Amino acid sequence: MRYLLPLALVLALAGCSSVNETGTMTLSGDESQQIIESNSSWGAKLHISDMKAGQAGNLLKAQARIKNTSKKIVNFNYKFKWLDKNDFEVAVDSRPWTPMSITGYEAKTVQAVAPNPSVTSYKILVQN
């Protein structure tokens, strides 16, 4: 019985800060691979698509489209996570969460430039 309360507390806290949808783009030469993951019902309201990457000098420039597939306004936060060729995160926590609001059925484009030339891929993290 004494173990149930701490377990319940851990499970409750884990549910409060989950990332709901993640889009990942990995670049290799001229080809790119795009993976979209959604792990909650809230993530079903938002869809990350049209992930693109280009160059801004010697830095990776990233862009993606986030669409609200529901009829209600969705308020959320997003940020870019930068990865090197070995999938190690570059410049950990260098970019803060950015708040965004999207009205029903609206889509918005988000963009960012990598913090240094070692970045070869990126993820977009979305949380409520």
Protein backbone atom coordinates (compact mmCIF):
# COMPACT_ATOMS: atom_id res chain seq x y z
CA MET A 1 0.00 0.00 0.00
CA ARG A 2 2.80 2.45 0.84
CA TYR A 3 4.24 1.98 -2.68
CA LEU A 4 1.01 2.91 -4.47
CA LEU A 5 1.05 6.61 -3.56
CA PRO A 6 4.57 7.31 -4.93
CA LEU A 7 3.76 5.31 -8.07
CA ALA A 8 0.54 7.26 -8.61
CA LEU A 9 2.41 10.56 -8.13
CA VAL A 10 5.09 9.59 -10.69
CA LEU A 11 2.45 8.57 -13.24
CA ALA A 12 0.49 11.78 -12.71
CA LEU A 13 3.59 13.98 -13.15
CA ALA A 14 4.68 12.07 -16.26
CA GLY A 15 1.34 12.82 -17.91
CA CYS A 16 1.65 16.57 -17.32
CA SER A 17 4.70 17.28 -19.43
CA SER A 18 4.58 14.87 -22.32
CA VAL A 19 5.49 15.88 -25.84
CA ASN A 20 2.52 15.05 -28.00
CA GLU A 21 3.79 15.11 -31.54
CA THR A 22 7.29 15.06 -32.93
CA GLY A 23 8.40 15.51 -36.48
CA THR A 24 11.88 14.32 -37.39
CA MET A 25 13.82 14.98 -40.57
CA THR A 26 17.14 13.28 -41.24
CA LEU A 27 19.24 14.38 -44.19
CA SER A 28 21.74 12.26 -46.05
CA GLY A 29 23.20 13.68 -49.25
CA ASP A 30 20.37 14.76 -51.54
CA GLU A 31 17.78 12.48 -49.93
CA SER A 32 15.78 13.08 -46.78
CA GLN A 33 13.71 10.89 -44.52
CA GLN A 34 10.75 12.28 -42.64
CA ILE A 35 9.07 10.65 -39.65
CA ILE A 36 5.99 11.97 -37.89
CA GLU A 37 5.03 10.47 -34.53
CA SER A 38 1.95 11.16 -32.44
CA ASN A 39 1.43 9.56 -29.06
CA SER A 40 -1.74 11.11 -27.66
CA SER A 41 -5.25 12.12 -28.57
CA TRP A 42 -4.21 15.79 -28.28
CA GLY A 43 -1.58 15.19 -30.94
CA ALA A 44 -4.36 14.15 -33.30
CA LYS A 45 -5.48 17.82 -33.43
CA LEU A 46 -2.10 18.96 -34.76
CA HIS A 47 -0.24 17.54 -37.71
CA ILE A 48 3.35 18.32 -38.65
CA SER A 49 3.99 18.12 -42.39
CA ASP A 50 6.02 19.55 -45.26
CA MET A 51 9.26 19.35 -43.32
CA LYS A 52 12.05 20.86 -45.38
CA ALA A 53 15.70 21.63 -44.93
CA GLY A 54 18.13 23.84 -46.80
CA GLN A 55 21.30 25.77 -46.22
CA ALA A 56 21.79 29.23 -44.79
CA GLY A 57 25.51 29.64 -45.42
CA ASN A 58 27.02 26.58 -43.76
CA LEU A 59 24.11 26.13 -41.35
CA LEU A 60 21.04 23.91 -41.70
CA LYS A 61 17.82 25.87 -42.17
CA ALA A 62 14.66 24.02 -41.13
CA GLN A 63 11.01 24.62 -41.95
CA ALA A 64 7.78 22.73 -41.25
CA ARG A 65 4.05 23.24 -41.46
CA ILE A 66 1.87 22.70 -38.37
CA LYS A 67 -1.84 22.26 -39.08
CA ASN A 68 -4.77 22.25 -36.70
CA THR A 69 -7.12 19.50 -37.91
CA SER A 70 -9.87 20.39 -35.44
CA LYS A 71 -12.42 23.19 -35.50
CA LYS A 72 -11.29 24.63 -32.15
CA ILE A 73 -8.36 26.92 -31.37
CA VAL A 74 -5.31 24.98 -30.18
CA ASN A 75 -2.70 26.66 -27.98
CA PHE A 76 0.65 24.88 -27.71
CA ASN A 77 4.42 25.33 -27.52
CA TYR A 78 7.00 24.14 -30.02
CA LYS A 79 10.77 24.07 -30.38
CA PHE A 80 13.43 22.73 -32.70
CA LYS A 81 15.81 20.04 -31.45
CA TRP A 82 19.10 19.95 -33.39
CA LEU A 83 21.02 16.69 -33.93
CA ASP A 84 24.48 15.86 -35.33
CA LYS A 85 25.34 12.96 -37.67
CA ASN A 86 25.46 10.54 -34.70
CA ASP A 87 22.03 11.68 -33.40
CA PHE A 88 23.54 13.52 -30.46
CA GLU A 89 21.70 16.68 -29.50
CA VAL A 90 23.57 19.88 -30.35
CA ALA A 91 23.21 23.04 -28.23
CA VAL A 92 21.01 21.37 -25.63
CA ASP A 93 18.33 23.77 -24.39
CA SER A 94 19.70 26.61 -26.51
CA ARG A 95 16.26 27.39 -27.90
CA PRO A 96 13.27 27.98 -25.62
CA TRP A 97 9.75 26.72 -26.13
CA THR A 98 7.84 29.10 -28.40
CA PRO A 99 4.11 29.59 -27.76
CA MET A 100 1.74 29.37 -30.71
CA SER A 101 -1.99 29.47 -31.26
CA ILE A 102 -3.69 28.07 -34.35
CA THR A 103 -7.37 28.58 -35.13
CA GLY A 104 -9.58 25.79 -36.43
CA TYR A 105 -8.30 24.17 -39.66
CA GLU A 106 -5.51 26.75 -39.95
CA ALA A 107 -1.90 25.88 -40.81
CA LYS A 108 1.22 27.84 -39.89
CA THR A 109 4.82 27.50 -41.01
CA VAL A 110 7.66 27.54 -38.48
CA GLN A 111 11.34 28.08 -39.33
CA ALA A 112 14.69 28.08 -37.59
CA VAL A 113 18.41 27.97 -38.37
CA ALA A 114 20.73 25.47 -36.66
CA PRO A 115 23.12 26.86 -34.04
CA ASN A 116 26.27 25.42 -35.69
CA PRO A 117 27.50 23.55 -38.81
CA SER A 118 27.64 20.12 -37.11
CA VAL A 119 23.83 19.82 -37.26
CA THR A 120 22.64 17.28 -39.85
CA SER A 121 19.03 16.71 -38.77
CA TYR A 122 16.32 18.15 -36.62
CA LYS A 123 13.14 17.38 -34.74
CA ILE A 124 10.22 19.63 -34.00
CA LEU A 125 8.77 19.06 -30.54
CA VAL A 126 5.20 20.12 -29.77
CA GLN A 127 3.63 20.18 -26.31
CA ASN A 128 0.53 21.64 -24.73
